[in-house]
Amino acid sequence: QVQLVESGGGLVQAGGSLRLSCAASTTIFSIKPMGWYRQAPGKQRELVATITGGGSTNYADSVKGRFTISRDNAKKTVYLQMNSLKPEDTAIYYCTMGGSDYWGQGTQVTVSS
């Protein structure tokens, strides 16, 4: 059973930065695509960023140039560096593995104006 545990969320002022982490409990982490989704109150869950096992990345237009997804296969951890945060980035952020095969419990990010 794969477990994904997110951390790093919190409250930050607009323009600030946060780094989310997601630790995976699986030995096959290095070959699995990883991703971050988010869900804001009253809105549908949306894809934020993905990274393949080989390190290729993809971003939602709304976060391009501000967010960076990365992974450390030795630590079985994926990161989401979020800079220049905006109030509209406020959401619960979820880590996923293998597309949407596995999900973490989510971590709250709140950006105040």
Protein backbone atom coordinates (compact mmCIF):
# COMPACT_ATOMS: atom_id res chain seq x y z
CA GLN A 1 0.00 0.00 0.00
CA VAL A 2 1.46 3.32 -1.11
CA GLN A 3 1.28 6.25 1.28
CA LEU A 4 1.88 9.86 0.32
CA VAL A 5 2.42 12.36 3.11
CA GLU A 6 2.41 16.08 2.32
CA SER A 7 3.90 18.82 4.45
CA GLY A 8 4.89 22.46 4.19
CA GLY A 9 1.55 24.19 3.86
CA GLY A 10 0.63 27.22 5.90
CA LEU A 11 -0.35 30.86 5.89
CA VAL A 12 1.69 33.33 3.89
CA GLN A 13 1.25 36.88 2.65
CA ALA A 14 0.81 37.63 -1.03
CA GLY A 15 4.17 37.73 -2.75
CA GLY A 16 5.64 35.21 -0.34
CA SER A 17 6.91 31.69 -0.86
CA LEU A 18 6.25 28.19 0.43
CA ARG A 19 7.73 24.81 -0.36
CA LEU A 20 5.53 21.75 -0.21
CA SER A 21 6.98 18.29 0.24
CA CYS A 22 5.46 14.89 -0.40
CA ALA A 23 7.16 11.77 0.93
CA ALA A 24 6.24 8.43 -0.62
CA SER A 25 6.39 5.02 1.00
CA THR A 26 7.20 2.90 -2.02
CA THR A 27 10.33 1.39 -3.51
CA ILE A 28 9.23 2.16 -7.06
CA PHE A 29 9.08 5.92 -6.54
CA SER A 30 11.82 6.72 -9.07
CA ILE A 31 9.88 5.38 -12.06
CA LYS A 32 6.51 6.87 -11.19
CA PRO A 33 5.18 10.19 -12.47
CA MET A 34 4.30 12.53 -9.60
CA GLY A 35 2.00 15.48 -9.49
CA TRP A 36 0.41 18.22 -7.44
CA TYR A 37 -3.26 19.12 -7.62
CA ARG A 38 -5.17 21.75 -5.71
CA GLN A 39 -8.76 22.41 -4.76
CA ALA A 40 -10.00 25.81 -3.72
CA PRO A 41 -13.27 26.28 -1.79
CA GLY A 42 -16.23 25.90 -4.12
CA LYS A 43 -14.06 24.97 -7.09
CA GLN A 44 -13.11 21.79 -8.88
CA ARG A 45 -9.81 20.13 -8.22
CA GLU A 46 -7.22 21.22 -10.77
CA LEU A 47 -3.81 20.01 -11.88
CA VAL A 48 -0.96 22.27 -10.81
CA ALA A 49 2.20 20.50 -11.97
CA THR A 50 3.58 17.10 -12.92
CA ILE A 51 7.00 15.53 -13.17
CA THR A 52 7.92 12.26 -14.86
CA GLY A 53 10.39 9.71 -13.56
CA GLY A 54 12.89 11.21 -15.98
CA GLY A 55 12.35 14.73 -14.71
CA SER A 56 10.17 16.23 -17.46
CA THR A 57 7.79 18.79 -16.04
CA ASN A 58 4.46 20.31 -16.94
CA TYR A 59 2.60 23.23 -15.34
CA ALA A 60 -0.81 24.80 -15.33
CA ASP A 61 -0.76 28.15 -17.10
CA SER A 62 -1.80 29.88 -13.89
CA VAL A 63 1.42 28.87 -12.09
CA LYS A 64 4.00 28.91 -14.88
CA GLY A 65 7.01 30.98 -13.94
CA ARG A 66 6.05 31.00 -10.25
CA PHE A 67 5.95 27.33 -9.19
CA THR A 68 8.62 24.67 -9.66
CA ILE A 69 8.11 20.95 -9.23
CA SER A 70 11.12 18.76 -8.48
CA ARG A 71 11.91 15.33 -7.10
CA ASP A 72 14.60 13.61 -5.08
CA ASN A 73 14.42 9.93 -5.91
CA ALA A 74 16.89 8.98 -3.17
CA LYS A 75 14.58 10.54 -0.59
CA LYS A 76 11.43 9.38 -2.41
CA THR A 77 10.14 12.92 -2.16
CA VAL A 78 8.57 15.36 -4.58
CA TYR A 79 8.56 19.10 -3.96
CA LEU A 80 6.56 22.10 -5.09
CA GLN A 81 8.37 25.40 -4.68
CA MET A 82 5.80 28.19 -4.80
CA ASN A 83 6.98 31.77 -5.27
CA SER A 84 5.15 35.04 -5.80
CA LEU A 85 2.08 33.56 -4.20
CA LYS A 86 -1.30 35.16 -4.85
CA PRO A 87 -4.55 34.99 -2.87
CA GLU A 88 -6.02 32.89 -5.68
CA ASP A 89 -3.43 30.20 -4.93
CA THR A 90 -5.29 29.51 -1.68
CA ALA A 91 -6.36 25.86 -1.75
CA ILE A 92 -5.75 22.42 -0.38
CA TYR A 93 -2.79 20.97 -2.26
CA TYR A 94 -2.64 17.24 -2.94
CA CYS A 95 0.28 15.09 -4.00
CA THR A 96 -0.37 12.25 -6.45
CA MET A 97 1.56 9.30 -7.80
CA GLY A 98 1.09 7.51 -11.10
CA GLY A 99 -1.32 10.06 -12.50
CA SER A 100 -4.13 9.76 -10.03
CA ASP A 101 -3.57 6.23 -8.74
CA TYR A 102 -2.60 7.41 -5.27
CA TRP A 103 -3.35 10.61 -3.36
CA GLY A 104 -2.03 12.22 -0.23
CA GLN A 105 -4.24 13.66 2.47
CA GLY A 106 -3.65 17.24 1.36
CA THR A 107 -2.04 20.28 2.91
CA GLN A 108 -3.68 23.69 3.27
CA VAL A 109 -2.09 26.73 1.66
CA THR A 110 -3.58 30.10 2.51
CA VAL A 111 -2.35 33.31 0.91
CA SER A 112 -3.51 36.55 2.50
CA SER A 113 -3.80 39.78 0.55
